[in-house]
Protein backbone atom coordinates (compact mmCIF):
# COMPACT_ATOMS: atom_id res chain seq x y z
CA MET A 1 222.77 124.97 123.21
CA ASP A 2 226.17 124.79 124.46
CA ALA A 3 225.53 122.01 126.92
CA GLY A 4 224.10 119.79 124.19
CA ILE A 5 220.77 119.31 126.09
CA TYR A 6 217.76 119.78 123.43
CA PHE A 7 214.14 119.15 123.91
CA SER A 8 211.71 117.84 121.47
CA LEU A 9 210.25 120.44 118.87
CA TYR A 10 206.91 120.82 117.61
CA VAL A 11 206.38 122.87 114.39
CA VAL A 12 203.19 124.04 113.66
CA ALA A 13 202.61 125.31 109.92
CA VAL A 14 199.54 127.38 109.06
CA THR A 15 198.84 128.17 105.55
CA ARG A 16 198.50 132.16 105.03
CA GLY A 17 195.05 133.22 104.69
CA ASP A 18 193.42 129.94 105.92
CA PRO A 19 193.94 129.59 109.68
CA LYS A 20 192.27 126.02 109.07
CA SER A 21 194.75 124.65 106.91
CA TYR A 22 197.75 123.58 108.90
CA ALA A 23 200.38 120.55 109.88
CA ILE A 24 202.06 119.79 113.04
CA TYR A 25 205.29 118.21 112.89
CA PHE A 26 207.37 116.43 115.53
CA LEU A 27 211.03 116.55 115.83
CA PRO A 28 212.51 114.29 118.86
CA SER A 29 215.95 115.59 120.48
CA GLU A 30 217.54 112.45 119.40
CA LEU A 31 217.66 114.07 115.65
CA GLN A 32 218.61 117.08 116.66
CA THR A 33 222.12 118.66 116.09
CA PRO A 34 224.23 121.63 117.18
CA ASN A 35 224.92 122.86 113.61
CA MET A 36 221.03 123.17 113.10
CA PHE A 37 220.48 125.71 115.66
CA ILE A 38 222.17 129.25 114.01
CA PRO A 39 222.15 132.38 116.35
CA ARG A 40 220.20 135.28 115.16
CA LYS A 41 221.77 138.81 115.67
CA PRO A 42 221.32 140.03 119.31
CA LEU A 43 218.38 142.63 119.77
CA SER A 44 219.56 146.63 119.90
CA ALA A 45 219.76 148.60 122.89
CA ALA A 46 216.81 150.10 122.39
CA ALA A 47 214.83 146.95 122.39
CA LYS A 48 212.60 145.75 125.33
CA ARG A 49 215.04 142.89 125.94
CA ALA A 50 218.19 144.21 124.90
CA GLY A 51 221.26 141.93 124.02
CA TRP A 52 218.71 138.72 123.85
CA GLN A 53 219.70 136.60 121.04
CA GLY A 54 217.80 133.84 119.69
CA TYR A 55 218.39 131.16 117.28
CA MET A 56 216.91 130.20 113.75
CA ILE A 57 216.34 126.67 113.51
CA ASP A 58 217.49 124.94 110.01
CA LEU A 59 215.40 121.63 109.71
CA GLU A 60 217.55 120.48 106.80
CA GLN A 61 220.57 119.67 109.58
CA ALA A 62 218.64 117.36 111.60
CA LEU A 63 219.34 113.43 111.69
CA GLY A 64 216.50 112.68 110.29
CA ALA A 65 212.92 114.56 108.95
CA PRO A 66 210.31 115.56 111.21
CA VAL A 67 207.29 113.48 111.63
CA ARG A 68 203.76 114.76 110.51
CA ILE A 69 201.22 114.13 113.28
CA ALA A 70 198.42 116.21 112.20
């Protein structure tokens, strides 16, 4: 994230209780911004990957809306 290199994102949304009901969205790298990636707190020392820190993605901070492709 610090380098500003982004990859296109595919987001799959599945309806709870009905795995056949889903939607796939595409967000190209050109529409992504650094502020849409919110750091999570690092995993605890007891975790298998202790200290690893992921990100939450806030799609409302993107420069455009994801495109539904399915």
